[in-house]
Amino acid sequence: MTTQYWLVKSEPETYSWDDFVRERRTAWTGVRNYAARIHLKAMRAGDSVCFYHSGEAKAVVGLAQVAKTAFPDPTADEDGWVAVELTPGKPLAQPVTLAQIKADATLKLMELVRQSRLSVSPVRPAEFARLKKLGGL
């Protein structure tokens, strides 16, 4: 099966890349958007994930992997909401800012730009490769 690529967003004050690395594994819970839920359900173990700091930072700061596919979100009050388990990979040597993404020919049409409110979105293979290159990996 071909690897899929994703982007997850978190405010660093709530849950940062450093928190993620320290914990070495996390359940990506609390997603309450229907489009983002569809993306969570589509994730497969081994898929690559870009970790994006939202809020003030607005930058991709690291790469992660899907460790466990969708399971019922334990933080949800209603049925149907799911979470996935992620493990951290490498931090980017240089964070890739939203401004860089919007200015880059390969990245300017990313779902992150087109649907900026989504906390989980797909990333095309060429976009993932470009993010890695801009991030110094």
N, C-alpha and C. Protein backbone atom coordinates (compact mmCIF):
# COMPACT_ATOMS: atom_id res chain seq x y z
N MET A 1 0.83 -1.18 0.00
CA MET A 1 0.00 0.00 0.00
C MET A 1 0.88 1.26 0.00
N THR A 2 0.45 2.24 -0.72
CA THR A 2 1.19 3.49 -0.82
C THR A 2 1.02 4.32 0.45
N THR A 3 2.10 4.93 0.89
CA THR A 3 2.03 5.81 2.05
C THR A 3 1.17 7.02 1.72
N GLN A 4 0.35 7.40 2.66
CA GLN A 4 -0.43 8.63 2.56
C GLN A 4 0.25 9.66 3.46
N TYR A 5 -0.07 10.93 3.20
CA TYR A 5 0.54 12.02 3.95
C TYR A 5 -0.55 12.91 4.51
N TRP A 6 -0.31 13.41 5.72
CA TRP A 6 -1.32 14.17 6.44
C TRP A 6 -0.66 15.35 7.16
N LEU A 7 -1.49 16.27 7.60
CA LEU A 7 -1.04 17.36 8.44
C LEU A 7 -2.01 17.45 9.62
N VAL A 8 -1.46 17.53 10.82
CA VAL A 8 -2.27 17.76 12.03
C VAL A 8 -1.81 19.07 12.66
N LYS A 9 -2.79 19.78 13.21
CA LYS A 9 -2.50 21.09 13.80
C LYS A 9 -2.77 21.07 15.29
N SER A 10 -1.90 21.76 16.01
CA SER A 10 -2.09 21.93 17.44
C SER A 10 -1.51 23.27 17.88
N GLU A 11 -2.21 23.93 18.78
CA GLU A 11 -1.63 25.16 19.35
C GLU A 11 -0.54 24.74 20.32
N PRO A 12 0.66 25.30 20.17
CA PRO A 12 1.77 24.85 21.02
C PRO A 12 1.52 25.08 22.51
N GLU A 13 0.67 26.05 22.85
CA GLU A 13 0.35 26.27 24.27
C GLU A 13 -0.48 25.12 24.83
N THR A 14 -1.23 24.46 23.95
CA THR A 14 -2.09 23.34 24.35
C THR A 14 -1.34 22.02 24.30
N TYR A 15 -0.71 21.75 23.15
CA TYR A 15 0.06 20.52 22.97
C TYR A 15 1.11 20.80 21.90
N SER A 16 2.35 20.89 22.32
CA SER A 16 3.44 21.27 21.41
C SER A 16 4.20 20.06 20.89
N TRP A 17 5.03 20.33 19.89
CA TRP A 17 5.93 19.30 19.37
C TRP A 17 6.81 18.76 20.51
N ASP A 18 7.30 19.64 21.37
CA ASP A 18 8.14 19.20 22.49
C ASP A 18 7.37 18.28 23.43
N ASP A 19 6.10 18.58 23.69
CA ASP A 19 5.26 17.68 24.51
C ASP A 19 5.17 16.32 23.85
N PHE A 20 4.92 16.32 22.56
CA PHE A 20 4.77 15.10 21.77
C PHE A 20 6.03 14.25 21.83
N VAL A 21 7.18 14.89 21.62
CA VAL A 21 8.46 14.18 21.66
C VAL A 21 8.71 13.60 23.06
N ARG A 22 8.41 14.38 24.08
CA ARG A 22 8.61 13.93 25.46
C ARG A 22 7.74 12.70 25.77
N GLU A 23 6.49 12.71 25.29
CA GLU A 23 5.58 11.60 25.56
C GLU A 23 5.83 10.39 24.65
N ARG A 24 6.46 10.62 23.49
CA ARG A 24 6.83 9.59 22.53
C ARG A 24 5.66 8.90 21.83
N ARG A 25 4.45 9.29 22.15
CA ARG A 25 3.25 8.69 21.54
C ARG A 25 2.06 9.47 22.06
N THR A 26 1.07 9.70 21.19
CA THR A 26 -0.13 10.37 21.66
C THR A 26 -1.35 9.91 20.89
N ALA A 27 -2.47 9.93 21.55
CA ALA A 27 -3.75 9.73 20.88
C ALA A 27 -4.21 11.11 20.41
N TRP A 28 -4.49 11.24 19.11
CA TRP A 28 -4.92 12.52 18.55
C TRP A 28 -6.42 12.62 18.74
N THR A 29 -6.81 13.17 19.88
CA THR A 29 -8.21 13.21 20.30
C THR A 29 -8.78 14.62 20.17
N GLY A 30 -10.07 14.73 20.38
CA GLY A 30 -10.71 16.04 20.46
C GLY A 30 -11.11 16.66 19.14
N VAL A 31 -10.95 15.95 18.04
CA VAL A 31 -11.33 16.49 16.73
C VAL A 31 -12.85 16.42 16.60
N ARG A 32 -13.49 17.56 16.37
CA ARG A 32 -14.95 17.61 16.27
C ARG A 32 -15.41 18.31 15.00
N ASN A 33 -14.72 18.05 13.91
CA ASN A 33 -15.10 18.57 12.60
C ASN A 33 -15.32 17.36 11.70
N TYR A 34 -16.43 17.36 10.97
CA TYR A 34 -16.78 16.18 10.16
C TYR A 34 -15.76 15.89 9.07
N ALA A 35 -15.26 16.93 8.39
CA ALA A 35 -14.25 16.71 7.35
C ALA A 35 -12.97 16.14 7.96
N ALA A 36 -12.54 16.69 9.08
CA ALA A 36 -11.33 16.20 9.75
C ALA A 36 -11.53 14.75 10.22
N ARG A 37 -12.75 14.42 10.66
CA ARG A 37 -13.04 13.04 11.09
C ARG A 37 -12.88 12.07 9.92
N ILE A 38 -13.33 12.46 8.74
CA ILE A 38 -13.16 11.62 7.55
C ILE A 38 -11.67 11.37 7.31
N HIS A 39 -10.85 12.41 7.47
CA HIS A 39 -9.41 12.25 7.28
C HIS A 39 -8.81 11.31 8.34
N LEU A 40 -9.22 11.46 9.59
CA LEU A 40 -8.73 10.57 10.64
C LEU A 40 -9.06 9.12 10.31
N LYS A 41 -10.28 8.89 9.83
CA LYS A 41 -10.70 7.52 9.50
C LYS A 41 -9.92 6.94 8.33
N ALA A 42 -9.39 7.81 7.46
CA ALA A 42 -8.63 7.37 6.29
C ALA A 42 -7.16 7.09 6.58
N MET A 43 -6.67 7.52 7.74
CA MET A 43 -5.27 7.31 8.08
C MET A 43 -4.98 5.83 8.30
N ARG A 44 -3.78 5.42 7.85
CA ARG A 44 -3.34 4.04 8.01
C ARG A 44 -2.03 4.01 8.79
N ALA A 45 -1.80 2.93 9.50
CA ALA A 45 -0.54 2.77 10.24
C ALA A 45 0.61 2.90 9.25
N GLY A 46 1.60 3.70 9.61
CA GLY A 46 2.76 3.92 8.76
C GLY A 46 2.67 5.18 7.92
N ASP A 47 1.48 5.77 7.81
CA ASP A 47 1.35 7.03 7.07
C ASP A 47 2.20 8.11 7.74
N SER A 48 2.69 9.03 6.93
CA SER A 48 3.51 10.13 7.43
C SER A 48 2.64 11.34 7.74
N VAL A 49 3.02 12.08 8.79
CA VAL A 49 2.23 13.19 9.29
C VAL A 49 3.13 14.40 9.53
N CYS A 50 2.69 15.55 9.06
CA CYS A 50 3.36 16.82 9.36
C CYS A 50 2.70 17.39 10.61
N PHE A 51 3.50 17.79 11.58
CA PHE A 51 3.00 18.37 12.83
C PHE A 51 3.11 19.88 12.70
N TYR A 52 1.98 20.56 12.77
CA TYR A 52 1.91 22.00 12.54
C TYR A 52 1.52 22.72 13.81
N HIS A 53 2.30 23.73 14.18
CA HIS A 53 1.95 24.60 15.30
C HIS A 53 1.05 25.71 14.76
N SER A 54 -0.19 25.76 15.26
CA SER A 54 -1.10 26.84 14.87
C SER A 54 -0.93 27.99 15.84
N GLY A 55 -1.91 28.86 15.92
CA GLY A 55 -1.81 30.02 16.82
C GLY A 55 -0.76 30.99 16.32
N GLU A 56 0.06 31.47 17.22
CA GLU A 56 1.09 32.46 16.88
C GLU A 56 2.17 31.88 15.95
N ALA A 57 2.57 30.65 16.19
CA ALA A 57 3.71 30.06 15.48
C ALA A 57 3.46 29.87 13.98
N LYS A 58 2.34 29.27 13.63
CA LYS A 58 1.96 29.01 12.24
C LYS A 58 3.11 28.43 11.41
N ALA A 59 3.53 27.20 11.77
CA ALA A 59 4.63 26.56 11.04
C ALA A 59 4.59 25.05 11.23
N VAL A 60 5.01 24.33 10.19
CA VAL A 60 5.25 22.89 10.30
C VAL A 60 6.58 22.76 11.04
N VAL A 61 6.57 22.00 12.15
CA VAL A 61 7.76 21.92 12.98
C VAL A 61 8.38 20.52 13.07
N GLY A 62 7.62 19.49 12.65
CA GLY A 62 8.16 18.14 12.75
C GLY A 62 7.36 17.15 11.94
N LEU A 63 7.92 15.94 11.84
CA LEU A 63 7.27 14.84 11.13
C LEU A 63 6.96 13.72 12.10
N ALA A 64 5.84 13.06 11.86
CA ALA A 64 5.39 11.97 12.73
C ALA A 64 4.86 10.84 11.87
N GLN A 65 4.42 9.78 12.55
CA GLN A 65 3.82 8.64 11.85
C GLN A 65 2.55 8.22 12.55
N VAL A 66 1.64 7.66 11.77
CA VAL A 66 0.44 7.06 12.34
C VAL A 66 0.85 5.69 12.88
N ALA A 67 0.63 5.48 14.17
CA ALA A 67 0.99 4.22 14.82
C ALA A 67 -0.22 3.29 14.94
N LYS A 68 -1.41 3.88 15.09
CA LYS A 68 -2.64 3.09 15.26
C LYS A 68 -3.76 3.81 14.53
N THR A 69 -4.51 3.04 13.75
CA THR A 69 -5.60 3.62 12.97
C THR A 69 -6.77 3.99 13.88
N ALA A 70 -7.78 4.58 13.26
CA ALA A 70 -8.92 5.16 13.97
C ALA A 70 -9.56 4.22 14.99
N PHE A 71 -9.83 4.78 16.15
CA PHE A 71 -10.53 4.09 17.23
C PHE A 71 -11.44 5.11 17.90
N PRO A 72 -12.45 4.66 18.65
CA PRO A 72 -13.36 5.63 19.28
C PRO A 72 -12.61 6.63 20.15
N ASP A 73 -12.92 7.91 19.97
CA ASP A 73 -12.27 8.97 20.74
C ASP A 73 -12.80 8.94 22.17
N PRO A 74 -11.92 8.64 23.13
CA PRO A 74 -12.38 8.56 24.53
C PRO A 74 -12.82 9.90 25.11
N THR A 75 -12.51 11.01 24.43
CA THR A 75 -12.91 12.32 24.94
C THR A 75 -14.27 12.76 24.40
N ALA A 76 -14.86 11.97 23.52
CA ALA A 76 -16.12 12.35 22.86
C ALA A 76 -17.33 11.98 23.72
N ASP A 77 -18.34 12.87 23.71
CA ASP A 77 -19.60 12.61 24.39
C ASP A 77 -20.59 11.89 23.49
N GLU A 78 -20.33 11.86 22.18
CA GLU A 78 -21.22 11.23 21.21
C GLU A 78 -20.46 10.13 20.48
N ASP A 79 -21.19 9.14 19.99
CA ASP A 79 -20.58 8.09 19.18
C ASP A 79 -20.15 8.64 17.83
N GLY A 80 -19.21 7.96 17.19
CA GLY A 80 -18.81 8.31 15.84
C GLY A 80 -17.53 9.10 15.73
N TRP A 81 -17.12 9.78 16.81
CA TRP A 81 -15.88 10.54 16.76
C TRP A 81 -14.71 9.61 17.01
N VAL A 82 -13.62 9.83 16.28
CA VAL A 82 -12.48 8.92 16.35
C VAL A 82 -11.19 9.68 16.65
N ALA A 83 -10.20 8.90 17.04
CA ALA A 83 -8.84 9.40 17.27
C ALA A 83 -7.90 8.42 16.58
N VAL A 84 -6.67 8.84 16.36
CA VAL A 84 -5.61 7.95 15.90
C VAL A 84 -4.45 8.10 16.86
N GLU A 85 -3.55 7.15 16.84
CA GLU A 85 -2.35 7.26 17.67
C GLU A 85 -1.18 7.63 16.78
N LEU A 86 -0.42 8.63 17.22
CA LEU A 86 0.74 9.12 16.48
C LEU A 86 2.02 8.95 17.29
N THR A 87 3.12 8.76 16.58
CA THR A 87 4.44 8.75 17.21
C THR A 87 5.30 9.79 16.50
N PRO A 88 6.15 10.49 17.27
CA PRO A 88 6.99 11.51 16.63
C PRO A 88 8.11 10.89 15.82
N GLY A 89 8.48 11.59 14.76
CA GLY A 89 9.64 11.23 13.96
C GLY A 89 10.69 12.30 14.16
N LYS A 90 11.07 12.96 13.08
CA LYS A 90 12.13 13.97 13.15
C LYS A 90 11.56 15.38 13.25
N PRO A 91 12.22 16.23 14.06
CA PRO A 91 11.87 17.65 14.00
C PRO A 91 12.46 18.22 12.71
N LEU A 92 11.82 19.24 12.17
CA LEU A 92 12.40 19.92 11.02
C LEU A 92 13.58 20.77 11.52
N ALA A 93 14.66 20.77 10.78
CA ALA A 93 15.82 21.59 11.14
C ALA A 93 15.42 23.06 11.11
N GLN A 94 14.52 23.39 10.19
CA GLN A 94 14.04 24.76 10.02
C GLN A 94 12.52 24.69 9.88
N PRO A 95 11.75 25.24 10.83
CA PRO A 95 10.29 25.23 10.68
C PRO A 95 9.87 25.88 9.35
N VAL A 96 8.83 25.34 8.76
CA VAL A 96 8.30 25.87 7.50
C VAL A 96 7.05 26.67 7.85
N THR A 97 7.13 27.99 7.68
CA THR A 97 6.05 28.87 8.12
C THR A 97 4.90 28.89 7.11
N LEU A 98 3.75 29.30 7.61
CA LEU A 98 2.58 29.45 6.75
C LEU A 98 2.86 30.45 5.63
N ALA A 99 3.60 31.52 5.93
CA ALA A 99 3.95 32.50 4.90
C ALA A 99 4.77 31.84 3.79
N GLN A 100 5.73 30.99 4.16
CA GLN A 100 6.52 30.27 3.15
C GLN A 100 5.63 29.35 2.32
N ILE A 101 4.72 28.67 3.00
CA ILE A 101 3.81 27.74 2.32
C ILE A 101 2.96 28.49 1.29
N LYS A 102 2.39 29.62 1.69
CA LYS A 102 1.54 30.40 0.80
C LYS A 102 2.32 30.97 -0.39
N ALA A 103 3.62 31.22 -0.20
CA ALA A 103 4.45 31.82 -1.25
C ALA A 103 5.08 30.78 -2.18
N ASP A 104 5.01 29.51 -1.82
CA ASP A 104 5.68 28.45 -2.58
C ASP A 104 4.75 27.87 -3.65
N ALA A 105 5.23 27.78 -4.88
CA ALA A 105 4.41 27.28 -5.99
C ALA A 105 3.88 25.87 -5.74
N THR A 106 4.67 25.02 -5.12
CA THR A 106 4.26 23.64 -4.86
C THR A 106 3.28 23.55 -3.70
N LEU A 107 3.35 24.48 -2.76
CA LEU A 107 2.57 24.37 -1.52
C LEU A 107 1.35 25.28 -1.43
N LYS A 108 1.26 26.28 -2.28
CA LYS A 108 0.22 27.31 -2.09
C LYS A 108 -1.21 26.79 -2.23
N LEU A 109 -1.40 25.59 -2.79
CA LEU A 109 -2.74 25.02 -2.91
C LEU A 109 -3.00 23.90 -1.89
N MET A 110 -2.14 23.80 -0.89
CA MET A 110 -2.34 22.79 0.15
C MET A 110 -3.70 22.99 0.83
N GLU A 111 -4.26 21.89 1.32
CA GLU A 111 -5.51 21.97 2.08
C GLU A 111 -5.35 22.92 3.27
N LEU A 112 -4.18 22.96 3.87
CA LEU A 112 -3.89 23.87 4.98
C LEU A 112 -4.23 25.31 4.60
N VAL A 113 -3.94 25.69 3.37
CA VAL A 113 -4.20 27.04 2.90
C VAL A 113 -5.66 27.18 2.47
N ARG A 114 -6.16 26.17 1.75
CA ARG A 114 -7.53 26.24 1.21
C ARG A 114 -8.60 26.11 2.28
N GLN A 115 -8.37 25.26 3.26
CA GLN A 115 -9.33 25.05 4.36
C GLN A 115 -8.58 25.21 5.68
N SER A 116 -8.26 26.44 6.01
CA SER A 116 -7.35 26.73 7.11
C SER A 116 -7.89 26.32 8.48
N ARG A 117 -9.20 26.12 8.62
CA ARG A 117 -9.75 25.77 9.92
C ARG A 117 -9.66 24.28 10.23
N LEU A 118 -9.37 23.45 9.24
CA LEU A 118 -9.29 22.01 9.47
C LEU A 118 -8.07 21.66 10.32
N SER A 119 -8.28 20.85 11.34
CA SER A 119 -7.18 20.45 12.22
C SER A 119 -6.45 19.21 11.71
N VAL A 120 -7.06 18.50 10.77
CA VAL A 120 -6.45 17.32 10.15
C VAL A 120 -6.74 17.42 8.66
N SER A 121 -5.69 17.36 7.84
CA SER A 121 -5.91 17.47 6.40
C SER A 121 -4.90 16.63 5.63
N PRO A 122 -5.28 16.22 4.41
CA PRO A 122 -4.35 15.45 3.58
C PRO A 122 -3.27 16.35 3.00
N VAL A 123 -2.14 15.73 2.70
CA VAL A 123 -1.01 16.41 2.06
C VAL A 123 -0.63 15.56 0.85
N ARG A 124 -0.47 16.18 -0.29
CA ARG A 124 -0.08 15.45 -1.51
C ARG A 124 1.40 15.05 -1.39
N PRO A 125 1.81 13.95 -2.06
CA PRO A 125 3.21 13.51 -1.99
C PRO A 125 4.21 14.61 -2.36
N ALA A 126 3.94 15.38 -3.41
CA ALA A 126 4.87 16.45 -3.81
C ALA A 126 4.96 17.53 -2.74
N GLU A 127 3.83 17.80 -2.07
CA GLU A 127 3.83 18.79 -1.00
C GLU A 127 4.64 18.30 0.19
N PHE A 128 4.49 17.02 0.53
CA PHE A 128 5.25 16.46 1.64
C PHE A 128 6.75 16.54 1.35
N ALA A 129 7.15 16.16 0.13
CA ALA A 129 8.57 16.21 -0.25
C ALA A 129 9.09 17.65 -0.18
N ARG A 130 8.28 18.60 -0.61
CA ARG A 130 8.71 20.01 -0.60
C ARG A 130 8.84 20.52 0.85
N LEU A 131 7.89 20.15 1.70
CA LEU A 131 7.97 20.55 3.12
C LEU A 131 9.24 20.01 3.76
N LYS A 132 9.56 18.73 3.47
CA LYS A 132 10.79 18.16 4.01
C LYS A 132 12.02 18.92 3.54
N LYS A 133 12.04 19.25 2.26
CA LYS A 133 13.19 19.97 1.71
C LYS A 133 13.32 21.36 2.34
N LEU A 134 12.21 22.09 2.39
CA LEU A 134 12.25 23.43 3.01
C LEU A 134 12.61 23.35 4.49
N GLY A 135 12.22 22.25 5.14
CA GLY A 135 12.50 22.05 6.55
C GLY A 135 13.90 21.54 6.84
N GLY A 136 14.69 21.29 5.79
CA GLY A 136 16.07 20.87 5.98
C GLY A 136 16.26 19.39 6.17
N LEU A 137 15.30 18.57 5.73
CA LEU A 137 15.45 17.12 5.84
C LEU A 137 15.64 16.49 4.47
